[in-house]
Amino acid sequence: MSRTPSCKRLVLMHSWFTKPETRSQCPFFLRYTLLPLIRPALDDMDKAEANLRAIKDGETGADVEWTLVCPPGLNNGPATGKRYLLKNHLFKNQISFGL
């Protein structure tokens, strides 16, 4: 990925269970069917998050603001326009992304 001068904010949409220690909380069926298939992608997401958090002042990328979104689920319902403020990163509903 290359950087453009107009980039002021990086927004990443990742998945729940990017942290290896949280994967044991995944429902039983998904833990033994889906997670083994997507584990490499989840591991890459975890590395991206760690790299963003590790950027120090003065380093390349320190001037870019970033947002990390980890919705528990997305569906094809119409967009609702609702905004969510989370405490302790907990949210248990699906989010409509309205395509």
C-alpha atoms as a PDB file:
ATOM      1  CA  MET A   1       0.000   0.000   0.000  1.00  0.00           C
ATOM      2  CA  SER A   2       1.406   3.382  -0.931  1.00  0.00           C
ATOM      3  CA  ARG A   3       0.726   6.628   0.856  1.00  0.00           C
ATOM      4  CA  THR A   4      -0.761   9.651  -0.839  1.00  0.00           C
ATOM      5  CA  PRO A   5      -0.356  13.230   0.449  1.00  0.00           C
ATOM      6  CA  SER A   6      -4.121  13.537   0.844  1.00  0.00           C
ATOM      7  CA  CYS A   7      -4.369  10.598   3.268  1.00  0.00           C
ATOM      8  CA  LYS A   8      -5.315  12.018   6.670  1.00  0.00           C
ATOM      9  CA  ARG A   9      -7.106   9.038   8.238  1.00  0.00           C
ATOM     10  CA  LEU A  10      -6.753   5.300   7.825  1.00  0.00           C
ATOM     11  CA  VAL A  11      -9.858   3.249   8.618  1.00  0.00           C
ATOM     12  CA  LEU A  12      -9.515  -0.518   9.005  1.00  0.00           C
ATOM     13  CA  MET A  13     -12.478  -2.842   9.378  1.00  0.00           C
ATOM     14  CA  HIS A  14     -11.339  -6.012  11.028  1.00  0.00           C
ATOM     15  CA  SER A  15     -13.025  -8.990  12.550  1.00  0.00           C
ATOM     16  CA  TRP A  16     -13.678 -10.116  16.047  1.00  0.00           C
ATOM     17  CA  PHE A  17     -11.231 -12.821  17.090  1.00  0.00           C
ATOM     18  CA  THR A  18      -8.179 -11.138  15.553  1.00  0.00           C
ATOM     19  CA  LYS A  19      -6.413 -11.606  18.882  1.00  0.00           C
ATOM     20  CA  PRO A  20      -5.412 -15.264  19.283  1.00  0.00           C
ATOM     21  CA  GLU A  21      -6.369 -15.226  22.975  1.00  0.00           C
ATOM     22  CA  THR A  22      -9.996 -14.301  22.094  1.00  0.00           C
ATOM     23  CA  ARG A  23     -10.544 -17.157  19.651  1.00  0.00           C
ATOM     24  CA  SER A  24     -11.522 -19.571  22.406  1.00  0.00           C
ATOM     25  CA  GLN A  25     -14.638 -17.382  22.914  1.00  0.00           C
ATOM     26  CA  CYS A  26     -15.820 -18.132  19.385  1.00  0.00           C
ATOM     27  CA  PRO A  27     -18.905 -20.386  19.180  1.00  0.00           C
ATOM     28  CA  PHE A  28     -17.967 -24.079  19.125  1.00  0.00           C
ATOM     29  CA  PHE A  29     -19.004 -24.774  15.524  1.00  0.00           C
ATOM     30  CA  LEU A  30     -17.175 -21.757  14.100  1.00  0.00           C
ATOM     31  CA  ARG A  31     -14.100 -22.410  16.229  1.00  0.00           C
ATOM     32  CA  TYR A  32     -13.542 -25.779  14.558  1.00  0.00           C
ATOM     33  CA  THR A  33     -14.818 -25.060  11.037  1.00  0.00           C
ATOM     34  CA  LEU A  34     -14.333 -21.418  10.044  1.00  0.00           C
ATOM     35  CA  LEU A  35     -11.458 -20.245  12.255  1.00  0.00           C
ATOM     36  CA  PRO A  36      -8.934 -22.782  10.923  1.00  0.00           C
ATOM     37  CA  LEU A  37      -9.683 -21.526   7.399  1.00  0.00           C
ATOM     38  CA  ILE A  38      -9.393 -17.811   8.140  1.00  0.00           C
ATOM     39  CA  ARG A  39      -6.694 -17.951  10.830  1.00  0.00           C
ATOM     40  CA  PRO A  40      -3.979 -16.551   8.485  1.00  0.00           C
ATOM     41  CA  ALA A  41      -6.172 -13.530   7.645  1.00  0.00           C
ATOM     42  CA  LEU A  42      -6.979 -12.971  11.332  1.00  0.00           C
ATOM     43  CA  ASP A  43      -3.279 -13.175  12.183  1.00  0.00           C
ATOM     44  CA  ASP A  44      -2.514 -10.528   9.512  1.00  0.00           C
ATOM     45  CA  MET A  45      -5.225  -8.269  10.952  1.00  0.00           C
ATOM     46  CA  ASP A  46      -3.688  -8.660  14.414  1.00  0.00           C
ATOM     47  CA  LYS A  47      -0.249  -7.712  13.035  1.00  0.00           C
ATOM     48  CA  ALA A  48      -1.696  -4.625  11.298  1.00  0.00           C
ATOM     49  CA  GLU A  49      -3.320  -3.493  14.553  1.00  0.00           C
ATOM     50  CA  ALA A  50      -0.079  -4.019  16.484  1.00  0.00           C
ATOM     51  CA  ASN A  51       1.910  -2.069  13.876  1.00  0.00           C
ATOM     52  CA  LEU A  52      -0.503   0.885  14.058  1.00  0.00           C
ATOM     53  CA  ARG A  53      -0.384   0.974  17.841  1.00  0.00           C
ATOM     54  CA  ALA A  54       3.440   0.808  17.805  1.00  0.00           C
ATOM     55  CA  ILE A  55       3.974   3.930  15.648  1.00  0.00           C
ATOM     56  CA  LYS A  56       5.808   6.549  17.709  1.00  0.00           C
ATOM     57  CA  ASP A  57       5.871  10.319  17.261  1.00  0.00           C
ATOM     58  CA  GLY A  58       8.285  11.345  14.549  1.00  0.00           C
ATOM     59  CA  GLU A  59       8.130   8.027  12.710  1.00  0.00           C
ATOM     60  CA  THR A  60       6.683   7.589   9.252  1.00  0.00           C
ATOM     61  CA  GLY A  61       2.912   7.402   9.587  1.00  0.00           C
ATOM     62  CA  ALA A  62       2.745   9.181  12.945  1.00  0.00           C
ATOM     63  CA  ASP A  63       0.825  12.074  11.380  1.00  0.00           C
ATOM     64  CA  VAL A  64      -2.004   9.852  10.082  1.00  0.00           C
ATOM     65  CA  GLU A  65      -4.983   9.397  12.346  1.00  0.00           C
ATOM     66  CA  TRP A  66      -6.482   5.923  12.343  1.00  0.00           C
ATOM     67  CA  THR A  67      -9.666   4.169  13.327  1.00  0.00           C
ATOM     68  CA  LEU A  68     -10.106   0.459  13.839  1.00  0.00           C
ATOM     69  CA  VAL A  69     -13.631  -0.967  13.533  1.00  0.00           C
ATOM     70  CA  CYS A  70     -14.363  -4.551  14.636  1.00  0.00           C
ATOM     71  CA  PRO A  71     -18.105  -5.165  14.236  1.00  0.00           C
ATOM     72  CA  PRO A  72     -19.408  -8.454  15.618  1.00  0.00           C
ATOM     73  CA  GLY A  73     -21.424  -8.980  12.466  1.00  0.00           C
ATOM     74  CA  LEU A  74     -22.586  -7.272   9.286  1.00  0.00           C
ATOM     75  CA  ASN A  75     -25.764  -7.948   7.378  1.00  0.00           C
ATOM     76  CA  ASN A  76     -27.315  -6.886   4.080  1.00  0.00           C
ATOM     77  CA  GLY A  77     -30.108  -4.871   5.667  1.00  0.00           C
ATOM     78  CA  PRO A  78     -30.656  -1.234   4.758  1.00  0.00           C
ATOM     79  CA  ALA A  79     -28.339   1.273   6.362  1.00  0.00           C
ATOM     80  CA  THR A  80     -29.860   2.636   9.559  1.00  0.00           C
ATOM     81  CA  GLY A  81     -27.755   5.730  10.102  1.00  0.00           C
ATOM     82  CA  LYS A  82     -27.338   4.753  13.761  1.00  0.00           C
ATOM     83  CA  ARG A  83     -24.141   5.639  15.557  1.00  0.00           C
ATOM     84  CA  TYR A  84     -22.666   3.491  18.274  1.00  0.00           C
ATOM     85  CA  LEU A  85     -20.502   4.497  21.197  1.00  0.00           C
ATOM     86  CA  LEU A  86     -18.847   1.528  22.824  1.00  0.00           C
ATOM     87  CA  LYS A  87     -17.432   1.055  26.281  1.00  0.00           C
ATOM     88  CA  ASN A  88     -14.796  -1.611  26.798  1.00  0.00           C
ATOM     89  CA  HIS A  89     -15.074  -2.533  23.112  1.00  0.00           C
ATOM     90  CA  LEU A  90     -18.302  -4.469  23.686  1.00  0.00           C
ATOM     91  CA  PHE A  91     -21.072  -4.531  21.115  1.00  0.00           C
ATOM     92  CA  LYS A  92     -23.330  -7.510  20.574  1.00  0.00           C
ATOM     93  CA  ASN A  93     -25.590  -6.558  17.666  1.00  0.00           C
ATOM     94  CA  GLN A  94     -25.124  -6.846  13.942  1.00  0.00           C
ATOM     95  CA  ILE A  95     -24.609  -3.729  11.866  1.00  0.00           C
ATOM     96  CA  SER A  96     -26.374  -3.124   8.544  1.00  0.00           C
ATOM     97  CA  PHE A  97     -24.006  -1.846   5.919  1.00  0.00           C
ATOM     98  CA  GLY A  98     -26.765  -1.209   3.372  1.00  0.00           C
ATOM     99  CA  LEU A  99     -25.437  -2.204  -0.020  1.00  0.00           C
END
